[in-house]
Amino acid sequence: MRRLLIATALLASFVAQAQSPVVKVDDPWVRATVAPQKATGAFMQLTAAKPLKVVSASSPVAASVEIHEMKMEDGVMKMRAVDALPLPAGQAVALKPGSYHVMLMGLKGPIKAGETVPLTLTVESEDRQRATVEIKAEARTPR
């Protein structure tokens, strides 16, 4: 009986650790759209407790979701999808306009200011273990 109690306590501890957030998400928001617009960006600050990388993203409001990077190349601002976004342990990584961001494409409808947009990020650890991060981002009209 004692062994069963110890095993149950260890399992409960493991489950609690597995369910704890692997990435802290601060100030998630999505740029509100106008009727014909079929793409928008999502922005936030991500902080991981251990080294991770964001390897994919999804949302039910878009046909496809990618992690994008914007940077100047030869005097021209270019945007491109990245395979993964590194999250160094304990260092905040800002996803913001004009930099890294989550790109939602093939929107299924307009996104109005004040709405909540669900996003899921998939992160991968150095030992290739994956976890998902569920995010509720507020749609905003940029100032």
N, C-alpha and C. Protein backbone atom coordinates (compact mmCIF):
# COMPACT_ATOMS: atom_id res chain seq x y z
N MET A 1 0.83 -1.19 0.00
CA MET A 1 0.00 0.00 0.00
C MET A 1 0.88 1.26 0.00
N ARG A 2 1.94 1.24 0.82
CA ARG A 2 2.84 2.39 0.90
C ARG A 2 3.48 2.67 -0.46
N ARG A 3 3.89 1.62 -1.16
CA ARG A 3 4.50 1.78 -2.49
C ARG A 3 3.51 2.41 -3.47
N LEU A 4 2.26 2.00 -3.36
CA LEU A 4 1.23 2.56 -4.23
C LEU A 4 1.06 4.06 -3.96
N LEU A 5 1.07 4.45 -2.70
CA LEU A 5 0.94 5.87 -2.35
C LEU A 5 2.14 6.67 -2.88
N ILE A 6 3.34 6.13 -2.73
CA ILE A 6 4.53 6.81 -3.22
C ILE A 6 4.49 6.93 -4.74
N ALA A 7 4.11 5.86 -5.42
CA ALA A 7 4.02 5.88 -6.88
C ALA A 7 2.98 6.89 -7.34
N THR A 8 1.85 6.95 -6.64
CA THR A 8 0.80 7.91 -6.99
C THR A 8 1.29 9.34 -6.78
N ALA A 9 1.99 9.59 -5.70
CA ALA A 9 2.53 10.93 -5.44
C ALA A 9 3.55 11.32 -6.49
N LEU A 10 4.42 10.40 -6.88
CA LEU A 10 5.41 10.68 -7.93
C LEU A 10 4.73 10.96 -9.27
N LEU A 11 3.72 10.17 -9.59
CA LEU A 11 2.98 10.39 -10.84
C LEU A 11 2.28 11.75 -10.83
N ALA A 12 1.67 12.10 -9.72
CA ALA A 12 0.99 13.40 -9.61
C ALA A 12 1.99 14.54 -9.77
N SER A 13 3.17 14.39 -9.18
CA SER A 13 4.21 15.41 -9.32
C SER A 13 4.65 15.53 -10.77
N PHE A 14 4.84 14.41 -11.45
CA PHE A 14 5.25 14.41 -12.85
C PHE A 14 4.19 15.08 -13.72
N VAL A 15 2.92 14.73 -13.50
CA VAL A 15 1.83 15.32 -14.28
C VAL A 15 1.76 16.82 -14.05
N ALA A 16 1.93 17.27 -12.82
CA ALA A 16 1.89 18.71 -12.52
C ALA A 16 3.01 19.43 -13.25
N GLN A 17 4.21 18.83 -13.28
CA GLN A 17 5.32 19.44 -13.99
C GLN A 17 5.06 19.45 -15.48
N ALA A 18 4.50 18.39 -16.02
CA ALA A 18 4.23 18.31 -17.45
C ALA A 18 3.18 19.34 -17.87
N GLN A 19 2.26 19.68 -16.96
CA GLN A 19 1.20 20.63 -17.30
C GLN A 19 1.60 22.07 -17.03
N SER A 20 2.73 22.29 -16.36
CA SER A 20 3.14 23.66 -16.09
C SER A 20 3.55 24.33 -17.39
N PRO A 21 3.35 25.64 -17.48
CA PRO A 21 3.67 26.32 -18.73
C PRO A 21 5.16 26.24 -19.06
N VAL A 22 5.46 25.86 -20.30
CA VAL A 22 6.85 25.77 -20.73
C VAL A 22 7.36 27.11 -21.23
N VAL A 23 6.42 27.98 -21.60
CA VAL A 23 6.78 29.30 -22.11
C VAL A 23 5.84 30.33 -21.49
N LYS A 24 6.42 31.39 -20.97
CA LYS A 24 5.62 32.51 -20.45
C LYS A 24 5.30 33.42 -21.62
N VAL A 25 4.03 33.75 -21.77
CA VAL A 25 3.57 34.61 -22.87
C VAL A 25 3.06 35.91 -22.28
N ASP A 26 3.64 37.03 -22.71
CA ASP A 26 3.21 38.34 -22.24
C ASP A 26 2.63 39.16 -23.39
N ASP A 27 1.56 39.88 -23.09
CA ASP A 27 0.92 40.84 -23.99
C ASP A 27 0.67 40.30 -25.41
N PRO A 28 -0.03 39.16 -25.55
CA PRO A 28 -0.33 38.68 -26.90
C PRO A 28 -1.44 39.50 -27.54
N TRP A 29 -1.22 39.90 -28.79
CA TRP A 29 -2.25 40.64 -29.51
C TRP A 29 -2.15 40.35 -31.00
N VAL A 30 -3.26 40.56 -31.69
CA VAL A 30 -3.36 40.37 -33.14
C VAL A 30 -3.83 41.67 -33.74
N ARG A 31 -3.26 42.04 -34.87
CA ARG A 31 -3.69 43.26 -35.56
C ARG A 31 -5.07 43.03 -36.17
N ALA A 32 -6.04 43.89 -35.79
CA ALA A 32 -7.38 43.82 -36.37
C ALA A 32 -7.32 44.07 -37.87
N THR A 33 -8.30 43.55 -38.60
CA THR A 33 -8.30 43.65 -40.07
C THR A 33 -9.53 44.39 -40.58
N VAL A 34 -9.50 44.67 -41.86
CA VAL A 34 -10.66 45.20 -42.57
C VAL A 34 -11.18 44.11 -43.49
N ALA A 35 -12.43 44.26 -43.95
CA ALA A 35 -13.15 43.19 -44.66
C ALA A 35 -12.35 42.43 -45.73
N PRO A 36 -11.72 43.06 -46.72
CA PRO A 36 -11.09 42.24 -47.76
C PRO A 36 -9.73 41.64 -47.36
N GLN A 37 -9.20 42.04 -46.24
CA GLN A 37 -7.87 41.62 -45.82
C GLN A 37 -7.86 40.13 -45.48
N LYS A 38 -6.89 39.39 -46.01
CA LYS A 38 -6.80 37.95 -45.81
C LYS A 38 -5.60 37.52 -44.98
N ALA A 39 -4.85 38.47 -44.44
CA ALA A 39 -3.69 38.13 -43.60
C ALA A 39 -3.51 39.19 -42.52
N THR A 40 -2.91 38.78 -41.43
CA THR A 40 -2.58 39.70 -40.35
C THR A 40 -1.45 39.12 -39.51
N GLY A 41 -0.96 39.91 -38.58
CA GLY A 41 0.12 39.46 -37.72
C GLY A 41 -0.30 39.35 -36.27
N ALA A 42 0.37 38.46 -35.55
CA ALA A 42 0.18 38.32 -34.10
C ALA A 42 1.52 38.61 -33.43
N PHE A 43 1.44 39.25 -32.28
CA PHE A 43 2.63 39.74 -31.61
C PHE A 43 2.55 39.42 -30.13
N MET A 44 3.70 39.26 -29.49
CA MET A 44 3.75 38.90 -28.07
C MET A 44 5.20 38.87 -27.63
N GLN A 45 5.41 38.60 -26.36
CA GLN A 45 6.75 38.39 -25.84
C GLN A 45 6.78 36.99 -25.23
N LEU A 46 7.78 36.19 -25.61
CA LEU A 46 7.90 34.81 -25.15
C LEU A 46 9.16 34.65 -24.31
N THR A 47 9.02 33.99 -23.17
CA THR A 47 10.16 33.69 -22.32
C THR A 47 10.09 32.23 -21.90
N ALA A 48 11.13 31.47 -22.24
CA ALA A 48 11.19 30.04 -21.91
C ALA A 48 12.12 29.83 -20.72
N ALA A 49 11.76 28.90 -19.86
CA ALA A 49 12.60 28.59 -18.69
C ALA A 49 13.85 27.81 -19.10
N LYS A 50 13.73 27.02 -20.17
CA LYS A 50 14.88 26.26 -20.67
C LYS A 50 14.97 26.51 -22.17
N PRO A 51 16.09 26.22 -22.81
CA PRO A 51 16.22 26.48 -24.25
C PRO A 51 15.16 25.71 -25.05
N LEU A 52 14.44 26.44 -25.86
CA LEU A 52 13.41 25.86 -26.72
C LEU A 52 13.46 26.56 -28.06
N LYS A 53 12.66 26.05 -28.99
CA LYS A 53 12.45 26.78 -30.24
C LYS A 53 11.00 26.58 -30.65
N VAL A 54 10.42 27.63 -31.21
CA VAL A 54 9.06 27.55 -31.75
C VAL A 54 9.20 26.93 -33.14
N VAL A 55 8.52 25.80 -33.36
CA VAL A 55 8.67 25.09 -34.63
C VAL A 55 7.42 25.15 -35.51
N SER A 56 6.29 25.54 -34.93
CA SER A 56 5.09 25.72 -35.75
C SER A 56 4.04 26.51 -34.97
N ALA A 57 3.03 26.95 -35.70
CA ALA A 57 1.93 27.71 -35.11
C ALA A 57 0.66 27.38 -35.87
N SER A 58 -0.48 27.54 -35.20
CA SER A 58 -1.76 27.31 -35.86
C SER A 58 -2.83 28.16 -35.19
N SER A 59 -3.94 28.33 -35.89
CA SER A 59 -5.09 29.05 -35.37
C SER A 59 -6.32 28.65 -36.18
N PRO A 60 -7.45 28.48 -35.52
CA PRO A 60 -8.66 28.13 -36.26
C PRO A 60 -9.19 29.28 -37.13
N VAL A 61 -8.67 30.49 -36.97
CA VAL A 61 -9.16 31.63 -37.76
C VAL A 61 -8.44 31.77 -39.09
N ALA A 62 -7.41 30.95 -39.35
CA ALA A 62 -6.60 31.09 -40.56
C ALA A 62 -6.33 29.74 -41.21
N ALA A 63 -6.22 29.76 -42.53
CA ALA A 63 -5.90 28.55 -43.27
C ALA A 63 -4.47 28.09 -42.99
N SER A 64 -3.55 29.05 -42.83
CA SER A 64 -2.17 28.69 -42.50
C SER A 64 -1.57 29.76 -41.58
N VAL A 65 -0.63 29.31 -40.77
CA VAL A 65 0.03 30.19 -39.81
C VAL A 65 1.52 29.86 -39.84
N GLU A 66 2.34 30.91 -39.93
CA GLU A 66 3.79 30.72 -39.99
C GLU A 66 4.47 31.73 -39.06
N ILE A 67 5.69 31.38 -38.66
CA ILE A 67 6.53 32.32 -37.93
C ILE A 67 7.34 33.06 -38.99
N HIS A 68 7.29 34.38 -38.98
CA HIS A 68 7.98 35.20 -39.97
C HIS A 68 9.02 36.10 -39.32
N GLU A 69 9.97 36.49 -40.14
CA GLU A 69 11.01 37.42 -39.74
C GLU A 69 11.02 38.56 -40.76
N MET A 70 11.16 39.78 -40.28
CA MET A 70 11.35 40.92 -41.17
C MET A 70 12.72 41.49 -40.88
N LYS A 71 13.48 41.78 -41.94
CA LYS A 71 14.79 42.41 -41.74
C LYS A 71 15.22 43.12 -43.01
N MET A 72 16.11 44.09 -42.82
CA MET A 72 16.65 44.86 -43.94
C MET A 72 17.74 44.06 -44.63
N GLU A 73 17.63 43.96 -45.95
CA GLU A 73 18.67 43.33 -46.76
C GLU A 73 18.93 44.24 -47.95
N ASP A 74 20.15 44.75 -48.06
CA ASP A 74 20.52 45.63 -49.17
C ASP A 74 19.58 46.82 -49.30
N GLY A 75 19.19 47.39 -48.15
CA GLY A 75 18.34 48.57 -48.15
C GLY A 75 16.87 48.30 -48.41
N VAL A 76 16.47 47.02 -48.45
CA VAL A 76 15.08 46.65 -48.70
C VAL A 76 14.58 45.81 -47.53
N MET A 77 13.41 46.17 -46.99
CA MET A 77 12.81 45.38 -45.91
C MET A 77 12.19 44.13 -46.52
N LYS A 78 12.61 42.98 -46.02
CA LYS A 78 12.12 41.70 -46.54
C LYS A 78 11.48 40.90 -45.42
N MET A 79 10.43 40.16 -45.79
CA MET A 79 9.75 39.29 -44.84
C MET A 79 9.84 37.87 -45.38
N ARG A 80 10.15 36.93 -44.47
CA ARG A 80 10.22 35.53 -44.88
C ARG A 80 9.84 34.63 -43.72
N ALA A 81 9.36 33.46 -44.05
CA ALA A 81 9.05 32.45 -43.03
C ALA A 81 10.35 31.87 -42.50
N VAL A 82 10.38 31.51 -41.24
CA VAL A 82 11.54 30.84 -40.65
C VAL A 82 11.13 29.44 -40.22
N ASP A 83 12.09 28.52 -40.27
CA ASP A 83 11.81 27.14 -39.87
C ASP A 83 11.57 27.01 -38.37
N ALA A 84 12.29 27.83 -37.60
CA ALA A 84 12.17 27.77 -36.14
C ALA A 84 12.61 29.11 -35.56
N LEU A 85 12.04 29.44 -34.41
CA LEU A 85 12.40 30.66 -33.69
C LEU A 85 13.01 30.25 -32.36
N PRO A 86 14.33 30.47 -32.17
CA PRO A 86 14.97 30.09 -30.91
C PRO A 86 14.46 30.92 -29.73
N LEU A 87 14.27 30.23 -28.59
CA LEU A 87 13.90 30.88 -27.34
C LEU A 87 14.98 30.52 -26.31
N PRO A 88 16.01 31.35 -26.17
CA PRO A 88 17.06 31.06 -25.19
C PRO A 88 16.49 31.06 -23.77
N ALA A 89 17.02 30.22 -22.93
CA ALA A 89 16.53 30.09 -21.55
C ALA A 89 16.58 31.43 -20.82
N GLY A 90 15.45 31.82 -20.24
CA GLY A 90 15.39 33.01 -19.41
C GLY A 90 15.47 34.34 -20.12
N GLN A 91 15.53 34.33 -21.45
CA GLN A 91 15.62 35.59 -22.20
C GLN A 91 14.32 35.84 -22.96
N ALA A 92 13.75 37.01 -22.77
CA ALA A 92 12.51 37.36 -23.47
C ALA A 92 12.80 37.56 -24.96
N VAL A 93 11.94 36.98 -25.79
CA VAL A 93 12.03 37.16 -27.24
C VAL A 93 10.77 37.90 -27.67
N ALA A 94 10.97 39.08 -28.25
CA ALA A 94 9.84 39.92 -28.65
C ALA A 94 9.42 39.61 -30.08
N LEU A 95 8.15 39.31 -30.24
CA LEU A 95 7.54 39.21 -31.56
C LEU A 95 6.77 40.51 -31.71
N LYS A 96 7.23 41.36 -32.64
CA LYS A 96 6.67 42.71 -32.74
C LYS A 96 6.65 43.15 -34.20
N PRO A 97 5.85 44.17 -34.52
CA PRO A 97 5.83 44.67 -35.89
C PRO A 97 7.24 45.05 -36.36
N GLY A 98 7.57 44.66 -37.58
CA GLY A 98 8.88 44.97 -38.14
C GLY A 98 9.97 44.02 -37.73
N SER A 99 9.63 42.93 -37.07
CA SER A 99 10.61 41.96 -36.57
C SER A 99 10.00 40.56 -36.71
N TYR A 100 10.33 39.68 -35.78
CA TYR A 100 9.67 38.37 -35.75
C TYR A 100 8.20 38.57 -35.41
N HIS A 101 7.35 37.75 -36.00
CA HIS A 101 5.92 37.78 -35.69
C HIS A 101 5.27 36.49 -36.17
N VAL A 102 4.04 36.28 -35.76
CA VAL A 102 3.26 35.14 -36.23
C VAL A 102 2.37 35.67 -37.34
N MET A 103 2.45 35.07 -38.51
CA MET A 103 1.67 35.51 -39.66
C MET A 103 0.48 34.58 -39.86
N LEU A 104 -0.73 35.14 -39.81
CA LEU A 104 -1.96 34.39 -40.04
C LEU A 104 -2.42 34.68 -41.46
N MET A 105 -2.50 33.65 -42.29
CA MET A 105 -2.83 33.83 -43.71
C MET A 105 -4.07 33.02 -44.09
N GLY A 106 -4.78 33.52 -45.09
CA GLY A 106 -6.01 32.85 -45.49
C GLY A 106 -7.06 32.97 -44.39
N LEU A 107 -7.22 34.19 -43.88
CA LEU A 107 -8.19 34.41 -42.80
C LEU A 107 -9.58 33.97 -43.24
N LYS A 108 -10.30 33.36 -42.33
CA LYS A 108 -11.64 32.87 -42.62
C LYS A 108 -12.70 33.96 -42.50
N GLY A 109 -12.29 35.13 -42.03
CA GLY A 109 -13.18 36.28 -41.89
C GLY A 109 -12.42 37.42 -41.27
N PRO A 110 -13.03 38.60 -41.21
CA PRO A 110 -12.34 39.74 -40.60
C PRO A 110 -12.11 39.50 -39.11
N ILE A 111 -11.07 40.11 -38.59
CA ILE A 111 -10.79 40.06 -37.16
C ILE A 111 -11.02 41.47 -36.63
N LYS A 112 -12.03 41.59 -35.76
CA LYS A 112 -12.43 42.90 -35.26
C LYS A 112 -11.75 43.20 -33.93
N ALA A 113 -11.42 44.49 -33.73
CA ALA A 113 -10.82 44.93 -32.47
C ALA A 113 -11.69 44.47 -31.31
N GLY A 114 -11.05 43.95 -30.28
CA GLY A 114 -11.76 43.47 -29.10
C GLY A 114 -12.03 41.98 -29.11
N GLU A 115 -11.98 41.35 -30.28
CA GLU A 115 -12.19 39.91 -30.35
C GLU A 115 -10.98 39.17 -29.76
N THR A 116 -11.20 37.93 -29.37
CA THR A 116 -10.12 37.08 -28.88
C THR A 116 -9.78 36.07 -29.98
N VAL A 117 -8.50 35.99 -30.29
CA VAL A 117 -8.02 35.08 -31.34
C VAL A 117 -7.20 33.97 -30.69
N PRO A 118 -7.63 32.70 -30.85
CA PRO A 118 -6.85 31.61 -30.29
C PRO A 118 -5.67 31.26 -31.20
N LEU A 119 -4.52 31.04 -30.57
CA LEU A 119 -3.30 30.63 -31.28
C LEU A 119 -2.69 29.46 -30.53
N THR A 120 -2.05 28.58 -31.26
CA THR A 120 -1.29 27.49 -30.64
C THR A 120 0.11 27.51 -31.21
N LEU A 121 1.10 27.59 -30.32
CA LEU A 121 2.49 27.48 -30.72
C LEU A 121 2.99 26.10 -30.32
N THR A 122 3.77 25.48 -31.19
CA THR A 122 4.42 24.22 -30.84
C THR A 122 5.89 24.52 -30.63
N VAL A 123 6.39 24.15 -29.44
CA VAL A 123 7.78 24.38 -29.11
C VAL A 123 8.49 23.03 -28.98
N GLU A 124 9.79 23.07 -29.24
CA GLU A 124 10.59 21.85 -29.18
C GLU A 124 11.83 22.09 -28.32
N SER A 125 12.14 21.14 -27.45
CA SER A 125 13.31 21.24 -26.59
C SER A 125 14.54 20.68 -27.31
N GLU A 126 15.69 20.83 -26.68
CA GLU A 126 16.93 20.34 -27.28
C GLU A 126 16.91 18.83 -27.48
N ASP A 127 16.13 18.11 -26.64
CA ASP A 127 16.04 16.65 -26.79
C ASP A 127 14.86 16.25 -27.68
N ARG A 128 14.35 17.22 -28.46
CA ARG A 128 13.31 17.03 -29.47
C ARG A 128 11.92 16.70 -28.91
N GLN A 129 11.73 16.95 -27.62
CA GLN A 129 10.40 16.79 -27.03
C GLN A 129 9.57 18.01 -27.40
N ARG A 130 8.32 17.78 -27.76
CA ARG A 130 7.45 18.89 -28.18
C ARG A 130 6.34 19.13 -27.16
N ALA A 131 5.92 20.38 -27.08
CA ALA A 131 4.81 20.80 -26.23
C ALA A 131 4.07 21.91 -26.95
N THR A 132 2.83 22.11 -26.60
CA THR A 132 2.06 23.19 -27.20
C THR A 132 1.81 24.28 -26.16
N VAL A 133 1.72 25.50 -26.67
CA VAL A 133 1.43 26.67 -25.84
C VAL A 133 0.15 27.29 -26.41
N GLU A 134 -0.90 27.27 -25.61
CA GLU A 134 -2.19 27.82 -26.03
C GLU A 134 -2.24 29.30 -25.64
N ILE A 135 -2.62 30.14 -26.59
CA ILE A 135 -2.62 31.59 -26.38
C ILE A 135 -3.98 32.15 -26.79
N LYS A 136 -4.45 33.09 -26.03
CA LYS A 136 -5.66 33.87 -26.37
C LYS A 136 -5.18 35.29 -26.57
N ALA A 137 -5.18 35.76 -27.81
CA ALA A 137 -4.66 37.09 -28.15
C ALA A 137 -5.82 38.04 -28.44
N GLU A 138 -5.73 39.23 -27.90
CA GLU A 138 -6.75 40.25 -28.14
C GLU A 138 -6.48 40.94 -29.48
N ALA A 139 -7.53 41.10 -30.30
CA ALA A 139 -7.38 41.84 -31.55
C ALA A 139 -7.39 43.34 -31.22
N ARG A 140 -6.41 44.05 -31.77
CA ARG A 140 -6.26 45.47 -31.53
C ARG A 140 -6.05 46.22 -32.83
N THR A 141 -6.45 47.48 -32.82
CA THR A 141 -6.12 48.38 -33.91
C THR A 141 -4.86 49.12 -33.49
N PRO A 142 -3.77 48.99 -34.24
CA PRO A 142 -2.52 49.66 -33.84
C PRO A 142 -2.70 51.16 -33.74
N ARG A 143 -2.00 51.76 -32.78
CA ARG A 143 -2.08 53.22 -32.60
C ARG A 143 -1.18 53.91 -33.57
